[in-house]
């Protein structure tokens, strides 16, 4: 089925980015207010790190990934529902959409600290201690973030890693921090820039 195109609109594009920003701030403020530990992860964490070097190299993303503890899930549900998010469990993911009409695609996705997403992965997700203050909220530390991206290694993860390489946040020497399988993935990205 072909997509139905609307008119070009810079305002609509800017509004879409602003709505994601609002979801990020609303969700993290709710968790802060409830005293629940979290760290912004995924594309937003990459954007925060990259923006410290080159704001023009930042990519937008439509969802929000939060690293949390599984044992806090009930409290997270309570905190996020109080600010309008609706809990869903879909495709083995715990997530929150923005209101009853919210979409999974641009929701709040939970990633569990200390757990592997898939059993065969080289590393589990980082622990909550591997985060730091990132201005208005906590953000995953750079070494932990790179480990997550090397572990997942999907197209978007490789793109995020290339962004970090391109602006000089990381380089080939970072392979020393990870198991051989992940160090090899980083080496390939270093040796094949722009691919």
C-alpha atoms as a PDB file:
ATOM      1  CA  UNK A   1       0.000   0.000   0.000  1.00  0.00           C
ATOM      2  CA  UNK A   2       1.435   3.366  -1.013  1.00  0.00           C
ATOM      3  CA  UNK A   3       1.852   6.065   1.597  1.00  0.00           C
ATOM      4  CA  UNK A   4      -0.447   9.072   1.419  1.00  0.00           C
ATOM      5  CA  UNK A   5       1.726  12.174   1.198  1.00  0.00           C
ATOM      6  CA  UNK A   6       0.855  15.447   2.836  1.00  0.00           C
ATOM      7  CA  UNK A   7       2.314  18.787   1.808  1.00  0.00           C
ATOM      8  CA  UNK A   8       5.914  19.641   2.638  1.00  0.00           C
ATOM      9  CA  UNK A   9       6.023  21.403   6.002  1.00  0.00           C
ATOM     10  CA  UNK A  10       9.067  22.513   7.933  1.00  0.00           C
ATOM     11  CA  UNK A  11       6.743  23.386  10.819  1.00  0.00           C
ATOM     12  CA  UNK A  12       5.414  19.810  10.954  1.00  0.00           C
ATOM     13  CA  UNK A  13       8.967  18.456  10.919  1.00  0.00           C
ATOM     14  CA  UNK A  14      10.060  20.768  13.758  1.00  0.00           C
ATOM     15  CA  UNK A  15       6.905  19.929  15.728  1.00  0.00           C
ATOM     16  CA  UNK A  16       7.647  16.206  15.447  1.00  0.00           C
ATOM     17  CA  UNK A  17      11.110  16.728  16.948  1.00  0.00           C
ATOM     18  CA  UNK A  18       9.670  18.927  19.690  1.00  0.00           C
ATOM     19  CA  UNK A  19       7.081  16.274  20.637  1.00  0.00           C
ATOM     20  CA  UNK A  20       9.869  13.717  21.123  1.00  0.00           C
ATOM     21  CA  UNK A  21      11.801  16.213  23.247  1.00  0.00           C
ATOM     22  CA  UNK A  22       8.714  16.804  25.394  1.00  0.00           C
ATOM     23  CA  UNK A  23       8.203  13.045  25.890  1.00  0.00           C
ATOM     24  CA  UNK A  24      11.847  12.687  26.909  1.00  0.00           C
ATOM     25  CA  UNK A  25      11.649  15.523  29.433  1.00  0.00           C
ATOM     26  CA  UNK A  26       8.239  14.479  30.798  1.00  0.00           C
ATOM     27  CA  UNK A  27       9.250  10.854  31.290  1.00  0.00           C
ATOM     28  CA  UNK A  28      12.605  11.588  32.920  1.00  0.00           C
ATOM     29  CA  UNK A  29      11.098  14.260  35.182  1.00  0.00           C
ATOM     30  CA  UNK A  30       8.447  11.759  36.313  1.00  0.00           C
ATOM     31  CA  UNK A  31      11.095   9.161  37.159  1.00  0.00           C
ATOM     32  CA  UNK A  32      13.224  11.787  38.939  1.00  0.00           C
ATOM     33  CA  UNK A  33      10.195  12.911  40.921  1.00  0.00           C
ATOM     34  CA  UNK A  34       9.458   9.333  41.958  1.00  0.00           C
ATOM     35  CA  UNK A  35      13.092   8.756  42.976  1.00  0.00           C
ATOM     36  CA  UNK A  36      13.519   5.970  40.415  1.00  0.00           C
ATOM     37  CA  UNK A  37      16.952   5.513  38.853  1.00  0.00           C
ATOM     38  CA  UNK A  38      17.175   5.637  35.054  1.00  0.00           C
ATOM     39  CA  UNK A  39      19.520   6.703  32.282  1.00  0.00           C
ATOM     40  CA  UNK A  40      18.674   7.997  28.826  1.00  0.00           C
ATOM     41  CA  UNK A  41      20.089   5.487  26.340  1.00  0.00           C
ATOM     42  CA  UNK A  42      19.806   4.785  22.607  1.00  0.00           C
ATOM     43  CA  UNK A  43      19.736   7.477  19.967  1.00  0.00           C
ATOM     44  CA  UNK A  44      19.125  10.310  22.428  1.00  0.00           C
ATOM     45  CA  UNK A  45      22.193   9.358  24.451  1.00  0.00           C
ATOM     46  CA  UNK A  46      24.229   9.290  21.230  1.00  0.00           C
ATOM     47  CA  UNK A  47      22.833  12.708  20.271  1.00  0.00           C
ATOM     48  CA  UNK A  48      23.727  14.160  23.672  1.00  0.00           C
ATOM     49  CA  UNK A  49      27.301  12.912  23.427  1.00  0.00           C
ATOM     50  CA  UNK A  50      27.745  13.916  19.778  1.00  0.00           C
ATOM     51  CA  UNK A  51      26.306  17.391  20.430  1.00  0.00           C
ATOM     52  CA  UNK A  52      29.150  18.090  22.864  1.00  0.00           C
ATOM     53  CA  UNK A  53      31.540  17.967  19.911  1.00  0.00           C
ATOM     54  CA  UNK A  54      29.452  18.939  16.872  1.00  0.00           C
ATOM     55  CA  UNK A  55      25.758  19.881  17.213  1.00  0.00           C
ATOM     56  CA  UNK A  56      25.448  19.724  13.430  1.00  0.00           C
ATOM     57  CA  UNK A  57      26.206  15.991  13.502  1.00  0.00           C
ATOM     58  CA  UNK A  58      23.240  15.164  15.760  1.00  0.00           C
ATOM     59  CA  UNK A  59      20.554  12.835  14.387  1.00  0.00           C
ATOM     60  CA  UNK A  60      16.965  12.906  15.562  1.00  0.00           C
ATOM     61  CA  UNK A  61      15.155   9.797  16.704  1.00  0.00           C
ATOM     62  CA  UNK A  62      11.446   9.291  17.301  1.00  0.00           C
ATOM     63  CA  UNK A  63      11.503   7.037  20.367  1.00  0.00           C
ATOM     64  CA  UNK A  64      13.033   7.373  23.824  1.00  0.00           C
ATOM     65  CA  UNK A  65      15.104   4.524  25.282  1.00  0.00           C
ATOM     66  CA  UNK A  66      15.488   4.459  29.055  1.00  0.00           C
ATOM     67  CA  UNK A  67      17.790   2.139  30.974  1.00  0.00           C
ATOM     68  CA  UNK A  68      16.006   1.116  34.185  1.00  0.00           C
ATOM     69  CA  UNK A  69      15.986  -1.670  36.757  1.00  0.00           C
ATOM     70  CA  UNK A  70      13.414  -4.403  36.156  1.00  0.00           C
ATOM     71  CA  UNK A  71      12.647  -4.451  39.877  1.00  0.00           C
ATOM     72  CA  UNK A  72      11.383  -0.849  39.532  1.00  0.00           C
ATOM     73  CA  UNK A  73       8.818  -1.657  36.813  1.00  0.00           C
ATOM     74  CA  UNK A  74       5.754  -1.207  39.053  1.00  0.00           C
ATOM     75  CA  UNK A  75       7.006   2.177  40.246  1.00  0.00           C
ATOM     76  CA  UNK A  76       7.866   3.179  36.669  1.00  0.00           C
ATOM     77  CA  UNK A  77       4.362   2.264  35.533  1.00  0.00           C
ATOM     78  CA  UNK A  78       2.886   4.406  38.286  1.00  0.00           C
ATOM     79  CA  UNK A  79       5.183   7.388  37.650  1.00  0.00           C
ATOM     80  CA  UNK A  80       4.763   7.408  33.878  1.00  0.00           C
ATOM     81  CA  UNK A  81       1.015   6.793  33.896  1.00  0.00           C
ATOM     82  CA  UNK A  82       0.657   9.800  36.216  1.00  0.00           C
ATOM     83  CA  UNK A  83       2.037  12.016  33.410  1.00  0.00           C
ATOM     84  CA  UNK A  84      -0.103  10.550  30.633  1.00  0.00           C
ATOM     85  CA  UNK A  85       1.858   7.566  29.346  1.00  0.00           C
ATOM     86  CA  UNK A  86       0.113   4.227  28.766  1.00  0.00           C
ATOM     87  CA  UNK A  87       1.944   0.963  29.457  1.00  0.00           C
ATOM     88  CA  UNK A  88       2.187  -1.791  26.817  1.00  0.00           C
ATOM     89  CA  UNK A  89       4.042  -5.050  26.592  1.00  0.00           C
ATOM     90  CA  UNK A  90       4.668  -5.932  22.944  1.00  0.00           C
ATOM     91  CA  UNK A  91       7.211  -8.176  21.198  1.00  0.00           C
ATOM     92  CA  UNK A  92       8.980  -8.859  24.513  1.00  0.00           C
ATOM     93  CA  UNK A  93       9.354  -5.120  25.163  1.00  0.00           C
ATOM     94  CA  UNK A  94       8.006  -3.054  28.009  1.00  0.00           C
ATOM     95  CA  UNK A  95       7.091   0.363  26.675  1.00  0.00           C
ATOM     96  CA  UNK A  96       4.878   3.358  27.155  1.00  0.00           C
ATOM     97  CA  UNK A  97       2.973   5.251  24.498  1.00  0.00           C
ATOM     98  CA  UNK A  98       1.926   8.871  24.853  1.00  0.00           C
ATOM     99  CA  UNK A  99      -1.742   8.649  25.747  1.00  0.00           C
ATOM    100  CA  UNK A 100      -4.406   6.277  24.432  1.00  0.00           C
ATOM    101  CA  UNK A 101      -3.691   7.258  20.806  1.00  0.00           C
ATOM    102  CA  UNK A 102       0.105   7.025  21.182  1.00  0.00           C
ATOM    103  CA  UNK A 103       2.181   4.922  18.827  1.00  0.00           C
ATOM    104  CA  UNK A 104       4.737   2.265  19.756  1.00  0.00           C
ATOM    105  CA  UNK A 105       7.126   3.721  17.188  1.00  0.00           C
ATOM    106  CA  UNK A 106       7.512   6.959  19.139  1.00  0.00           C
ATOM    107  CA  UNK A 107       7.067   5.593  22.628  1.00  0.00           C
ATOM    108  CA  UNK A 108       9.215   5.263  25.714  1.00  0.00           C
ATOM    109  CA  UNK A 109      11.092   1.943  25.473  1.00  0.00           C
ATOM    110  CA  UNK A 110      12.536   0.326  28.593  1.00  0.00           C
ATOM    111  CA  UNK A 111      15.921  -1.392  28.566  1.00  0.00           C
ATOM    112  CA  UNK A 112      16.781  -3.403  31.659  1.00  0.00           C
ATOM    113  CA  UNK A 113      20.071  -2.854  33.458  1.00  0.00           C
ATOM    114  CA  UNK A 114      22.323  -5.879  33.813  1.00  0.00           C
ATOM    115  CA  UNK A 115      20.258  -8.036  31.430  1.00  0.00           C
ATOM    116  CA  UNK A 116      20.941  -9.308  27.940  1.00  0.00           C
ATOM    117  CA  UNK A 117      18.356  -8.472  25.297  1.00  0.00           C
ATOM    118  CA  UNK A 118      19.129 -11.762  23.529  1.00  0.00           C
ATOM    119  CA  UNK A 119      20.842 -14.704  25.262  1.00  0.00           C
ATOM    120  CA  UNK A 120      23.666 -14.949  22.713  1.00  0.00           C
ATOM    121  CA  UNK A 121      24.836 -11.333  23.096  1.00  0.00           C
ATOM    122  CA  UNK A 122      28.416 -10.644  24.154  1.00  0.00           C
ATOM    123  CA  UNK A 123      27.478  -8.193  26.904  1.00  0.00           C
ATOM    124  CA  UNK A 124      24.481  -7.531  29.121  1.00  0.00           C
ATOM    125  CA  UNK A 125      23.065  -4.019  29.293  1.00  0.00           C
ATOM    126  CA  UNK A 126      25.040  -1.688  31.557  1.00  0.00           C
ATOM    127  CA  UNK A 127      24.270  -1.236  35.225  1.00  0.00           C
ATOM    128  CA  UNK A 128      22.634   1.935  36.525  1.00  0.00           C
ATOM    129  CA  UNK A 129      25.986   3.062  37.928  1.00  0.00           C
ATOM    130  CA  UNK A 130      27.284   3.468  34.356  1.00  0.00           C
ATOM    131  CA  UNK A 131      25.436   6.755  33.871  1.00  0.00           C
ATOM    132  CA  UNK A 132      26.100  10.394  34.612  1.00  0.00           C
ATOM    133  CA  UNK A 133      24.346  13.717  34.919  1.00  0.00           C
ATOM    134  CA  UNK A 134      23.492  14.978  31.450  1.00  0.00           C
ATOM    135  CA  UNK A 135      21.987  18.371  32.181  1.00  0.00           C
ATOM    136  CA  UNK A 136      18.254  17.952  32.649  1.00  0.00           C
ATOM    137  CA  UNK A 137      18.447  14.173  33.133  1.00  0.00           C
ATOM    138  CA  UNK A 138      20.806  11.231  33.557  1.00  0.00           C
ATOM    139  CA  UNK A 139      22.471   9.802  30.464  1.00  0.00           C
ATOM    140  CA  UNK A 140      24.309   6.556  29.825  1.00  0.00           C
ATOM    141  CA  UNK A 141      28.082   6.965  30.096  1.00  0.00           C
ATOM    142  CA  UNK A 142      29.995   6.953  26.816  1.00  0.00           C
ATOM    143  CA  UNK A 143      31.857   3.671  27.341  1.00  0.00           C
ATOM    144  CA  UNK A 144      28.641   1.892  28.336  1.00  0.00           C
ATOM    145  CA  UNK A 145      26.758   3.441  25.409  1.00  0.00           C
ATOM    146  CA  UNK A 146      29.379   2.312  22.903  1.00  0.00           C
ATOM    147  CA  UNK A 147      29.184  -1.210  24.384  1.00  0.00           C
ATOM    148  CA  UNK A 148      25.396  -1.240  23.936  1.00  0.00           C
ATOM    149  CA  UNK A 149      25.708  -0.067  20.328  1.00  0.00           C
ATOM    150  CA  UNK A 150      28.436  -2.619  19.525  1.00  0.00           C
ATOM    151  CA  UNK A 151      26.344  -5.369  21.107  1.00  0.00           C
ATOM    152  CA  UNK A 152      23.111  -4.550  19.253  1.00  0.00           C
ATOM    153  CA  UNK A 153      24.950  -3.702  15.989  1.00  0.00           C
ATOM    154  CA  UNK A 154      21.840  -3.090  13.883  1.00  0.00           C
ATOM    155  CA  UNK A 155      21.996  -0.606  10.991  1.00  0.00           C
ATOM    156  CA  UNK A 156      21.051   2.286  13.259  1.00  0.00           C
ATOM    157  CA  UNK A 157      23.592   1.214  15.882  1.00  0.00           C
ATOM    158  CA  UNK A 158      26.365   1.131  13.281  1.00  0.00           C
ATOM    159  CA  UNK A 159      25.263   4.582  12.102  1.00  0.00           C
ATOM    160  CA  UNK A 160      25.398   5.892  15.673  1.00  0.00           C
ATOM    161  CA  UNK A 161      28.856   4.387  16.141  1.00  0.00           C
ATOM    162  CA  UNK A 162      30.029   5.994  12.890  1.00  0.00           C
ATOM    163  CA  UNK A 163      28.694   9.337  14.112  1.00  0.00           C
ATOM    164  CA  UNK A 164      30.710   8.986  17.323  1.00  0.00           C
ATOM    165  CA  UNK A 165      33.806   7.998  15.347  1.00  0.00           C
ATOM    166  CA  UNK A 166      33.365  10.855  12.882  1.00  0.00           C
ATOM    167  CA  UNK A 167      33.261  13.557  15.553  1.00  0.00           C
ATOM    168  CA  UNK A 168      36.186  12.007  17.465  1.00  0.00           C
ATOM    169  CA  UNK A 169      34.331  10.855  20.582  1.00  0.00           C
ATOM    170  CA  UNK A 170      35.759   7.370  20.088  1.00  0.00           C
ATOM    171  CA  UNK A 171      38.435   5.756  17.953  1.00  0.00           C
ATOM    172  CA  UNK A 172      39.907   2.331  17.246  1.00  0.00           C
ATOM    173  CA  UNK A 173      41.683   2.220  20.609  1.00  0.00           C
ATOM    174  CA  UNK A 174      38.304   1.820  22.305  1.00  0.00           C
ATOM    175  CA  UNK A 175      38.291  -1.846  21.298  1.00  0.00           C
ATOM    176  CA  UNK A 176      40.379  -2.533  24.417  1.00  0.00           C
ATOM    177  CA  UNK A 177      37.316  -1.965  26.601  1.00  0.00           C
ATOM    178  CA  UNK A 178      35.192  -4.718  25.054  1.00  0.00           C
ATOM    179  CA  UNK A 179      35.266  -8.481  24.348  1.00  0.00           C
ATOM    180  CA  UNK A 180      37.050  -9.526  21.135  1.00  0.00           C
ATOM    181  CA  UNK A 181      33.803  -9.935  19.170  1.00  0.00           C
ATOM    182  CA  UNK A 182      32.814  -6.330  19.868  1.00  0.00           C
ATOM    183  CA  UNK A 183      36.340  -5.010  19.367  1.00  0.00           C
ATOM    184  CA  UNK A 184      36.287  -6.621  15.903  1.00  0.00           C
ATOM    185  CA  UNK A 185      33.013  -4.870  15.096  1.00  0.00           C
ATOM    186  CA  UNK A 186      34.538  -1.537  16.068  1.00  0.00           C
ATOM    187  CA  UNK A 187      37.657  -2.263  14.004  1.00  0.00           C
ATOM    188  CA  UNK A 188      35.519  -2.926  10.926  1.00  0.00           C
ATOM    189  CA  UNK A 189      33.739   0.411  11.384  1.00  0.00           C
ATOM    190  CA  UNK A 190      37.047   2.232  11.804  1.00  0.00           C
ATOM    191  CA  UNK A 191      38.470   0.564   8.676  1.00  0.00           C
ATOM    192  CA  UNK A 192      35.375   1.236   6.546  1.00  0.00           C
ATOM    193  CA  UNK A 193      34.356   4.860   7.182  1.00  0.00           C
ATOM    194  CA  UNK A 194      31.343   6.113   5.311  1.00  0.00           C
ATOM    195  CA  UNK A 195      29.887   2.668   4.593  1.00  0.00           C
END
